[in-house]
Amino acid sequence: MKGNIKWYNARKGYGFITGEDGKDIFVHRSDIPAGVTLNEKDPVEYETEETERGLKAKNVKVASAESAETAAPAEPKAKPKAKPKAKAKAKE
């Protein structure tokens, strides 16, 4: 499955992934490869398993930027503001 990190707290060791279907899936540090850092909106690929408390992600991998385009709709980027033009000096 594919999705994006909704939030992840490295200190607490858990967070949530928003899946392609819009559902939130719990993710624990034990299902993330050593040395991998998860940040908000990172695209990820994962498997799920049913637990007593609901769905849990396992075998979580950070996906490439190309896979992110299909994982969840991207938010529109703000256009940069145009710089004001310099005023022409008046000739005397």
PDB file of N, CA and C in Angstrom:
ATOM      1  N   MET A   1       0.839  -1.175   0.000  1.00  0.00           N
ATOM      2  CA  MET A   1       0.000   0.000   0.000  1.00  0.00           C
ATOM      3  C   MET A   1       0.889   1.245   0.000  1.00  0.00           C
ATOM      4  N   LYS A   2       0.282   2.373  -0.388  1.00  0.00           N
ATOM      5  CA  LYS A   2       1.017   3.633  -0.413  1.00  0.00           C
ATOM      6  C   LYS A   2       0.253   4.670   0.396  1.00  0.00           C
ATOM      7  N   GLY A   3       1.000   5.640   0.915  1.00  0.00           N
ATOM      8  CA  GLY A   3       0.402   6.722   1.670  1.00  0.00           C
ATOM      9  C   GLY A   3       1.445   7.756   2.012  1.00  0.00           C
ATOM     10  N   ASN A   4       1.074   8.682   2.892  1.00  0.00           N
ATOM     11  CA  ASN A   4       1.975   9.737   3.347  1.00  0.00           C
ATOM     12  C   ASN A   4       1.972   9.786   4.865  1.00  0.00           C
ATOM     13  N   ILE A   5       3.100  10.175   5.436  1.00  0.00           N
ATOM     14  CA  ILE A   5       3.174  10.318   6.887  1.00  0.00           C
ATOM     15  C   ILE A   5       2.278  11.477   7.313  1.00  0.00           C
ATOM     16  N   LYS A   6       1.321  11.184   8.183  1.00  0.00           N
ATOM     17  CA  LYS A   6       0.456  12.233   8.721  1.00  0.00           C
ATOM     18  C   LYS A   6       1.234  12.970   9.805  1.00  0.00           C
ATOM     19  N   TRP A   7       1.802  12.205  10.740  1.00  0.00           N
ATOM     20  CA  TRP A   7       2.743  12.731  11.735  1.00  0.00           C
ATOM     21  C   TRP A   7       3.494  11.559  12.329  1.00  0.00           C
ATOM     22  N   TYR A   8       4.707  11.849  12.792  1.00  0.00           N
ATOM     23  CA  TYR A   8       5.525  10.821  13.424  1.00  0.00           C
ATOM     24  C   TYR A   8       6.387  11.495  14.481  1.00  0.00           C
ATOM     25  N   ASN A   9       6.377  10.947  15.701  1.00  0.00           N
ATOM     26  CA  ASN A   9       7.167  11.487  16.800  1.00  0.00           C
ATOM     27  C   ASN A   9       8.275  10.481  17.111  1.00  0.00           C
ATOM     28  N   ALA A  10       9.501  10.830  16.716  1.00  0.00           N
ATOM     29  CA  ALA A  10      10.630   9.913  16.907  1.00  0.00           C
ATOM     30  C   ALA A  10      10.912   9.662  18.380  1.00  0.00           C
ATOM     31  N   ARG A  11      10.687  10.662  19.211  1.00  0.00           N
ATOM     32  CA  ARG A  11      10.932  10.486  20.653  1.00  0.00           C
ATOM     33  C   ARG A  11       9.978   9.449  21.244  1.00  0.00           C
ATOM     34  N   LYS A  12       8.710   9.528  20.860  1.00  0.00           N
ATOM     35  CA  LYS A  12       7.720   8.569  21.367  1.00  0.00           C
ATOM     36  C   LYS A  12       7.772   7.252  20.595  1.00  0.00           C
ATOM     37  N   GLY A  13       8.269   7.303  19.353  1.00  0.00           N
ATOM     38  CA  GLY A  13       8.422   6.085  18.577  1.00  0.00           C
ATOM     39  C   GLY A  13       7.181   5.628  17.838  1.00  0.00           C
ATOM     40  N   TYR A  14       6.255   6.532  17.573  1.00  0.00           N
ATOM     41  CA  TYR A  14       5.074   6.138  16.807  1.00  0.00           C
ATOM     42  C   TYR A  14       4.463   7.337  16.108  1.00  0.00           C
ATOM     43  N   GLY A  15       3.527   7.049  15.214  1.00  0.00           N
ATOM     44  CA  GLY A  15       2.819   8.094  14.483  1.00  0.00           C
ATOM     45  C   GLY A  15       1.740   7.458  13.630  1.00  0.00           C
ATOM     46  N   PHE A  16       1.328   8.186  12.596  1.00  0.00           N
ATOM     47  CA  PHE A  16       0.263   7.705  11.729  1.00  0.00           C
ATOM     48  C   PHE A  16       0.574   7.998  10.266  1.00  0.00           C
ATOM     49  N   ILE A  17       0.110   7.090   9.420  1.00  0.00           N
ATOM     50  CA  ILE A  17       0.196   7.226   7.974  1.00  0.00           C
ATOM     51  C   ILE A  17      -1.225   7.440   7.476  1.00  0.00           C
ATOM     52  N   THR A  18      -1.401   8.350   6.523  1.00  0.00           N
ATOM     53  CA  THR A  18      -2.685   8.482   5.849  1.00  0.00           C
ATOM     54  C   THR A  18      -2.578   7.683   4.559  1.00  0.00           C
ATOM     55  N   GLY A  19      -3.379   6.650   4.445  1.00  0.00           N
ATOM     56  CA  GLY A  19      -3.336   5.766   3.287  1.00  0.00           C
ATOM     57  C   GLY A  19      -4.027   6.361   2.077  1.00  0.00           C
ATOM     58  N   GLU A  20      -3.896   5.682   0.950  1.00  0.00           N
ATOM     59  CA  GLU A  20      -4.526   6.116  -0.300  1.00  0.00           C
ATOM     60  C   GLU A  20      -6.036   6.262  -0.150  1.00  0.00           C
ATOM     61  N   ASP A  21      -6.611   5.448   0.713  1.00  0.00           N
ATOM     62  CA  ASP A  21      -8.056   5.475   0.917  1.00  0.00           C
ATOM     63  C   ASP A  21      -8.487   6.541   1.921  1.00  0.00           C
ATOM     64  N   GLY A  22      -7.512   7.301   2.467  1.00  0.00           N
ATOM     65  CA  GLY A  22      -7.826   8.364   3.416  1.00  0.00           C
ATOM     66  C   GLY A  22      -7.869   7.907   4.865  1.00  0.00           C
ATOM     67  N   LYS A  23      -7.709   6.611   5.110  1.00  0.00           N
ATOM     68  CA  LYS A  23      -7.742   6.091   6.483  1.00  0.00           C
ATOM     69  C   LYS A  23      -6.374   6.265   7.137  1.00  0.00           C
ATOM     70  N   ASP A  24      -6.376   6.488   8.444  1.00  0.00           N
ATOM     71  CA  ASP A  24      -5.138   6.615   9.210  1.00  0.00           C
ATOM     72  C   ASP A  24      -4.721   5.253   9.740  1.00  0.00           C
ATOM     73  N   ILE A  25      -3.431   4.945   9.568  1.00  0.00           N
ATOM     74  CA  ILE A  25      -2.874   3.668  10.005  1.00  0.00           C
ATOM     75  C   ILE A  25      -1.759   3.940  10.990  1.00  0.00           C
ATOM     76  N   PHE A  26      -1.795   3.279  12.125  1.00  0.00           N
ATOM     77  CA  PHE A  26      -0.779   3.419  13.164  1.00  0.00           C
ATOM     78  C   PHE A  26       0.552   2.875  12.656  1.00  0.00           C
ATOM     79  N   VAL A  27       1.653   3.553  12.997  1.00  0.00           N
ATOM     80  CA  VAL A  27       2.983   3.049  12.659  1.00  0.00           C
ATOM     81  C   VAL A  27       3.878   3.152  13.894  1.00  0.00           C
ATOM     82  N   HIS A  28       4.585   2.063  14.194  1.00  0.00           N
ATOM     83  CA  HIS A  28       5.483   2.012  15.350  1.00  0.00           C
ATOM     84  C   HIS A  28       6.915   1.931  14.862  1.00  0.00           C
ATOM     85  N   ARG A  29       7.853   2.448  15.663  1.00  0.00           N
ATOM     86  CA  ARG A  29       9.268   2.475  15.261  1.00  0.00           C
ATOM     87  C   ARG A  29       9.825   1.094  14.934  1.00  0.00           C
ATOM     88  N   SER A  30       9.271   0.051  15.511  1.00  0.00           N
ATOM     89  CA  SER A  30       9.768  -1.301  15.244  1.00  0.00           C
ATOM     90  C   SER A  30       9.490  -1.746  13.802  1.00  0.00           C
ATOM     91  N   ASP A  31       8.621  -1.037  13.086  1.00  0.00           N
ATOM     92  CA  ASP A  31       8.300  -1.379  11.703  1.00  0.00           C
ATOM     93  C   ASP A  31       8.953  -0.442  10.696  1.00  0.00           C
ATOM     94  N   ILE A  32       9.922   0.351  11.167  1.00  0.00           N
ATOM     95  CA  ILE A  32      10.658   1.285  10.317  1.00  0.00           C
ATOM     96  C   ILE A  32      12.121   0.848  10.322  1.00  0.00           C
ATOM     97  N   PRO A  33      12.755   0.744   9.153  1.00  0.00           N
ATOM     98  CA  PRO A  33      14.160   0.322   9.123  1.00  0.00           C
ATOM     99  C   PRO A  33      15.058   1.248   9.943  1.00  0.00           C
ATOM    100  N   ALA A  34      16.095   0.686  10.541  1.00  0.00           N
ATOM    101  CA  ALA A  34      17.045   1.471  11.338  1.00  0.00           C
ATOM    102  C   ALA A  34      17.663   2.570  10.477  1.00  0.00           C
ATOM    103  N   GLY A  35      17.795   3.748  11.070  1.00  0.00           N
ATOM    104  CA  GLY A  35      18.415   4.871  10.384  1.00  0.00           C
ATOM    105  C   GLY A  35      17.479   5.686   9.501  1.00  0.00           C
ATOM    106  N   VAL A  36      16.235   5.232   9.336  1.00  0.00           N
ATOM    107  CA  VAL A  36      15.277   5.964   8.504  1.00  0.00           C
ATOM    108  C   VAL A  36      14.542   6.974   9.368  1.00  0.00           C
ATOM    109  N   THR A  37      14.466   8.204   8.893  1.00  0.00           N
ATOM    110  CA  THR A  37      13.749   9.267   9.584  1.00  0.00           C
ATOM    111  C   THR A  37      12.475   9.567   8.817  1.00  0.00           C
ATOM    112  N   LEU A  38      11.354   9.615   9.518  1.00  0.00           N
ATOM    113  CA  LEU A  38      10.077   9.931   8.890  1.00  0.00           C
ATOM    114  C   LEU A  38       9.678  11.353   9.232  1.00  0.00           C
ATOM    115  N   ASN A  39       9.291  12.094   8.218  1.00  0.00           N
ATOM    116  CA  ASN A  39       8.831  13.471   8.395  1.00  0.00           C
ATOM    117  C   ASN A  39       7.418  13.601   7.843  1.00  0.00           C
ATOM    118  N   GLU A  40       6.701  14.577   8.343  1.00  0.00           N
ATOM    119  CA  GLU A  40       5.338  14.828   7.898  1.00  0.00           C
ATOM    120  C   GLU A  40       5.294  14.936   6.375  1.00  0.00           C
ATOM    121  N   LYS A  41       4.319  14.289   5.776  1.00  0.00           N
ATOM    122  CA  LYS A  41       4.043  14.264   4.335  1.00  0.00           C
ATOM    123  C   LYS A  41       5.023  13.432   3.515  1.00  0.00           C
ATOM    124  N   ASP A  42       5.978  12.729   4.159  1.00  0.00           N
ATOM    125  CA  ASP A  42       6.867  11.837   3.412  1.00  0.00           C
ATOM    126  C   ASP A  42       6.031  10.736   2.758  1.00  0.00           C
ATOM    127  N   PRO A  43       6.288  10.419   1.485  1.00  0.00           N
ATOM    128  CA  PRO A  43       5.591   9.300   0.855  1.00  0.00           C
ATOM    129  C   PRO A  43       6.179   7.981   1.358  1.00  0.00           C
ATOM    130  N   VAL A  44       5.322   7.018   1.652  1.00  0.00           N
ATOM    131  CA  VAL A  44       5.786   5.723   2.146  1.00  0.00           C
ATOM    132  C   VAL A  44       5.026   4.582   1.475  1.00  0.00           C
ATOM    133  N   GLU A  45       5.653   3.418   1.482  1.00  0.00           N
ATOM    134  CA  GLU A  45       5.014   2.178   1.067  1.00  0.00           C
ATOM    135  C   GLU A  45       5.036   1.258   2.273  1.00  0.00           C
ATOM    136  N   TYR A  46       3.998   0.457   2.448  1.00  0.00           N
ATOM    137  CA  TYR A  46       3.892  -0.362   3.648  1.00  0.00           C
ATOM    138  C   TYR A  46       2.896  -1.494   3.430  1.00  0.00           C
ATOM    139  N   GLU A  47       2.914  -2.419   4.365  1.00  0.00           N
ATOM    140  CA  GLU A  47       1.919  -3.482   4.433  1.00  0.00           C
ATOM    141  C   GLU A  47       1.108  -3.216   5.699  1.00  0.00           C
ATOM    142  N   THR A  48      -0.044  -3.840   5.819  1.00  0.00           N
ATOM    143  CA  THR A  48      -0.834  -3.654   7.036  1.00  0.00           C
ATOM    144  C   THR A  48      -1.134  -5.002   7.677  1.00  0.00           C
ATOM    145  N   GLU A  49      -1.380  -4.925   8.979  1.00  0.00           N
ATOM    146  CA  GLU A  49      -1.848  -6.098   9.709  1.00  0.00           C
ATOM    147  C   GLU A  49      -2.921  -5.637  10.687  1.00  0.00           C
ATOM    148  N   GLU A  50      -3.880  -6.489  10.908  1.00  0.00           N
ATOM    149  CA  GLU A  50      -4.968  -6.192  11.837  1.00  0.00           C
ATOM    150  C   GLU A  50      -4.504  -6.557  13.242  1.00  0.00           C
ATOM    151  N   THR A  51      -4.673  -5.634  14.188  1.00  0.00           N
ATOM    152  CA  THR A  51      -4.347  -5.894  15.585  1.00  0.00           C
ATOM    153  C   THR A  51      -5.611  -5.718  16.413  1.00  0.00           C
ATOM    154  N   GLU A  52      -5.518  -5.973  17.702  1.00  0.00           N
ATOM    155  CA  GLU A  52      -6.671  -5.784  18.582  1.00  0.00           C
ATOM    156  C   GLU A  52      -7.134  -4.329  18.581  1.00  0.00           C
ATOM    157  N   ARG A  53      -6.204  -3.410  18.318  1.00  0.00           N
ATOM    158  CA  ARG A  53      -6.516  -1.974  18.374  1.00  0.00           C
ATOM    159  C   ARG A  53      -6.762  -1.360  16.999  1.00  0.00           C
ATOM    160  N   GLY A  54      -6.748  -2.170  15.933  1.00  0.00           N
ATOM    161  CA  GLY A  54      -6.993  -1.657  14.585  1.00  0.00           C
ATOM    162  C   GLY A  54      -5.830  -1.949  13.658  1.00  0.00           C
ATOM    163  N   LEU A  55      -5.811  -1.268  12.508  1.00  0.00           N
ATOM    164  CA  LEU A  55      -4.758  -1.504  11.526  1.00  0.00           C
ATOM    165  C   LEU A  55      -3.423  -0.934  11.979  1.00  0.00           C
ATOM    166  N   LYS A  56      -2.361  -1.674  11.646  1.00  0.00           N
ATOM    167  CA  LYS A  56      -1.008  -1.251  11.980  1.00  0.00           C
ATOM    168  C   LYS A  56      -0.153  -1.432  10.732  1.00  0.00           C
ATOM    169  N   ALA A  57       0.689  -0.440  10.432  1.00  0.00           N
ATOM    170  CA  ALA A  57       1.595  -0.548   9.287  1.00  0.00           C
ATOM    171  C   ALA A  57       2.794  -1.398   9.671  1.00  0.00           C
ATOM    172  N   LYS A  58       3.287  -2.174   8.726  1.00  0.00           N
ATOM    173  CA  LYS A  58       4.515  -2.942   8.949  1.00  0.00           C
ATOM    174  C   LYS A  58       5.332  -2.894   7.665  1.00  0.00           C
ATOM    175  N   ASN A  59       6.627  -3.204   7.781  1.00  0.00           N
ATOM    176  CA  ASN A  59       7.535  -3.144   6.627  1.00  0.00           C
ATOM    177  C   ASN A  59       7.451  -1.798   5.922  1.00  0.00           C
ATOM    178  N   VAL A  60       7.518  -0.722   6.686  1.00  0.00           N
ATOM    179  CA  VAL A  60       7.395   0.633   6.153  1.00  0.00           C
ATOM    180  C   VAL A  60       8.688   1.028   5.445  1.00  0.00           C
ATOM    181  N   LYS A  61       8.551   1.565   4.232  1.00  0.00           N
ATOM    182  CA  LYS A  61       9.688   2.038   3.444  1.00  0.00           C
ATOM    183  C   LYS A  61       9.362   3.415   2.905  1.00  0.00           C
ATOM    184  N   VAL A  62      10.359   4.295   2.909  1.00  0.00           N
ATOM    185  CA  VAL A  62      10.161   5.617   2.310  1.00  0.00           C
ATOM    186  C   VAL A  62      10.131   5.411   0.806  1.00  0.00           C
ATOM    187  N   ALA A  63       9.091   5.947   0.161  1.00  0.00           N
ATOM    188  CA  ALA A  63       8.914   5.772  -1.277  1.00  0.00           C
ATOM    189  C   ALA A  63       9.642   6.875  -2.039  1.00  0.00           C
ATOM    190  N   SER A  64       9.846   6.641  -3.315  1.00  0.00           N
ATOM    191  CA  SER A  64      10.489   7.655  -4.159  1.00  0.00           C
ATOM    192  C   SER A  64       9.493   8.777  -4.432  1.00  0.00           C
ATOM    193  N   ALA A  65       9.994   9.894  -4.902  1.00  0.00           N
ATOM    194  CA  ALA A  65       9.140  11.046  -5.201  1.00  0.00           C
ATOM    195  C   ALA A  65       8.123  10.704  -6.281  1.00  0.00           C
ATOM    196  N   GLU A  66       8.484   9.826  -7.225  1.00  0.00           N
ATOM    197  CA  GLU A  66       7.557   9.441  -8.283  1.00  0.00           C
ATOM    198  C   GLU A  66       6.356   8.700  -7.718  1.00  0.00           C
ATOM    199  N   SER A  67       6.565   7.822  -6.713  1.00  0.00           N
ATOM    200  CA  SER A  67       5.446   7.106  -6.116  1.00  0.00           C
ATOM    201  C   SER A  67       4.569   8.027  -5.301  1.00  0.00           C
ATOM    202  N   ALA A  68       5.128   9.124  -4.819  1.00  0.00           N
ATOM    203  CA  ALA A  68       4.371  10.056  -3.990  1.00  0.00           C
ATOM    204  C   ALA A  68       3.239  10.684  -4.775  1.00  0.00           C
ATOM    205  N   GLU A  69       3.432  10.855  -6.077  1.00  0.00           N
ATOM    206  CA  GLU A  69       2.395  11.486  -6.885  1.00  0.00           C
ATOM    207  C   GLU A  69       1.127  10.656  -6.899  1.00  0.00           C
ATOM    208  N   THR A  70       1.248   9.339  -6.790  1.00  0.00           N
ATOM    209  CA  THR A  70       0.070   8.483  -6.797  1.00  0.00           C
ATOM    210  C   THR A  70      -0.432   8.187  -5.388  1.00  0.00           C
ATOM    211  N   ALA A  71       0.360   8.498  -4.376  1.00  0.00           N
ATOM    212  CA  ALA A  71      -0.011   8.147  -3.005  1.00  0.00           C
ATOM    213  C   ALA A  71      -1.136   9.018  -2.470  1.00  0.00           C
ATOM    214  N   ALA A  72      -1.022  10.291  -2.616  1.00  0.00           N
ATOM    215  CA  ALA A  72      -2.039  11.207  -2.111  1.00  0.00           C
ATOM    216  C   ALA A  72      -1.941  12.495  -2.896  1.00  0.00           C
ATOM    217  N   PRO A  73      -3.047  13.178  -3.060  1.00  0.00           N
ATOM    218  CA  PRO A  73      -2.992  14.421  -3.821  1.00  0.00           C
ATOM    219  C   PRO A  73      -2.089  15.441  -3.141  1.00  0.00           C
ATOM    220  N   ALA A  74      -1.280  16.086  -3.938  1.00  0.00           N
ATOM    221  CA  ALA A  74      -0.370  17.098  -3.392  1.00  0.00           C
ATOM    222  C   ALA A  74      -1.114  18.404  -3.176  1.00  0.00           C
ATOM    223  N   GLU A  75      -0.681  19.135  -2.191  1.00  0.00           N
ATOM    224  CA  GLU A  75      -1.275  20.439  -1.952  1.00  0.00           C
ATOM    225  C   GLU A  75      -0.708  21.413  -2.965  1.00  0.00           C
ATOM    226  N   PRO A  76      -1.528  22.342  -3.454  1.00  0.00           N
ATOM    227  CA  PRO A  76      -1.008  23.298  -4.434  1.00  0.00           C
ATOM    228  C   PRO A  76       0.070  24.178  -3.812  1.00  0.00           C
ATOM    229  N   LYS A  77       1.097  24.433  -4.614  1.00  0.00           N
ATOM    230  CA  LYS A  77       2.188  25.272  -4.133  1.00  0.00           C
ATOM    231  C   LYS A  77       1.838  26.735  -4.358  1.00  0.00           C
ATOM    232  N   ALA A  78       2.224  27.555  -3.404  1.00  0.00           N
ATOM    233  CA  ALA A  78       1.978  28.991  -3.530  1.00  0.00           C
ATOM    234  C   ALA A  78       2.941  29.576  -4.547  1.00  0.00           C
ATOM    235  N   LYS A  79       2.436  30.500  -5.354  1.00  0.00           N
ATOM    236  CA  LYS A  79       3.299  31.150  -6.337  1.00  0.00           C
ATOM    237  C   LYS A  79       4.171  32.168  -5.615  1.00  0.00           C
ATOM    238  N   PRO A  80       5.436  32.275  -6.008  1.00  0.00           N
ATOM    239  CA  PRO A  80       6.295  33.284  -5.371  1.00  0.00           C
ATOM    240  C   PRO A  80       5.825  34.677  -5.766  1.00  0.00           C
ATOM    241  N   LYS A  81       5.951  35.592  -4.829  1.00  0.00           N
ATOM    242  CA  LYS A  81       5.541  36.967  -5.095  1.00  0.00           C
ATOM    243  C   LYS A  81       6.538  37.616  -6.043  1.00  0.00           C
ATOM    244  N   ALA A  82       6.011  38.411  -6.961  1.00  0.00           N
ATOM    245  CA  ALA A  82       6.875  39.109  -7.913  1.00  0.00           C
ATOM    246  C   ALA A  82       7.581  40.258  -7.198  1.00  0.00           C
ATOM    247  N   LYS A  83       8.825  40.482  -7.599  1.00  0.00           N
ATOM    248  CA  LYS A  83       9.582  41.584  -7.005  1.00  0.00           C
ATOM    249  C   LYS A  83       9.101  42.888  -7.628  1.00  0.00           C
ATOM    250  N   PRO A  84       8.988  43.936  -6.824  1.00  0.00           N
ATOM    251  CA  PRO A  84       8.561  45.221  -7.406  1.00  0.00           C
ATOM    252  C   PRO A  84       9.643  45.740  -8.347  1.00  0.00           C
ATOM    253  N   LYS A  85       9.175  46.351  -9.438  1.00  0.00           N
ATOM    254  CA  LYS A  85      10.108  46.904 -10.403  1.00  0.00           C
ATOM    255  C   LYS A  85      10.708  48.196  -9.879  1.00  0.00           C
ATOM    256  N   ALA A  86      11.954  48.415 -10.224  1.00  0.00           N
ATOM    257  CA  ALA A  86      12.626  49.648  -9.807  1.00  0.00           C
ATOM    258  C   ALA A  86      12.041  50.822 -10.571  1.00  0.00           C
ATOM    259  N   LYS A  87      11.874  51.924  -9.869  1.00  0.00           N
ATOM    260  CA  LYS A  87      11.329  53.106 -10.523  1.00  0.00           C
ATOM    261  C   LYS A  87      12.418  53.760 -11.372  1.00  0.00           C
ATOM    262  N   ALA A  88      12.013  54.232 -12.529  1.00  0.00           N
ATOM    263  CA  ALA A  88      12.970  54.911 -13.415  1.00  0.00           C
ATOM    264  C   ALA A  88      13.284  56.281 -12.852  1.00  0.00           C
ATOM    265  N   LYS A  89      14.548  56.679 -12.962  1.00  0.00           N
ATOM    266  CA  LYS A  89      14.954  58.005 -12.475  1.00  0.00           C
ATOM    267  C   LYS A  89      14.505  59.062 -13.471  1.00  0.00           C
ATOM    268  N   ALA A  90      13.989  60.145 -12.948  1.00  0.00           N
ATOM    269  CA  ALA A  90      13.548  61.257 -13.806  1.00  0.00           C
ATOM    270  C   ALA A  90      14.744  62.010 -14.337  1.00  0.00           C
ATOM    271  N   LYS A  91      14.694  62.346 -15.636  1.00  0.00           N
ATOM    272  CA  LYS A  91      15.803  63.114 -16.244  1.00  0.00           C
ATOM    273  C   LYS A  91      15.570  64.593 -15.945  1.00  0.00           C
ATOM    274  N   GLU A  92      16.638  65.308 -15.675  1.00  0.00           N
ATOM    275  CA  GLU A  92      16.520  66.747 -15.372  1.00  0.00           C
ATOM    276  C   GLU A  92      16.992  67.584 -16.507  1.00  0.00           C
TER     277      GLU A  92
END
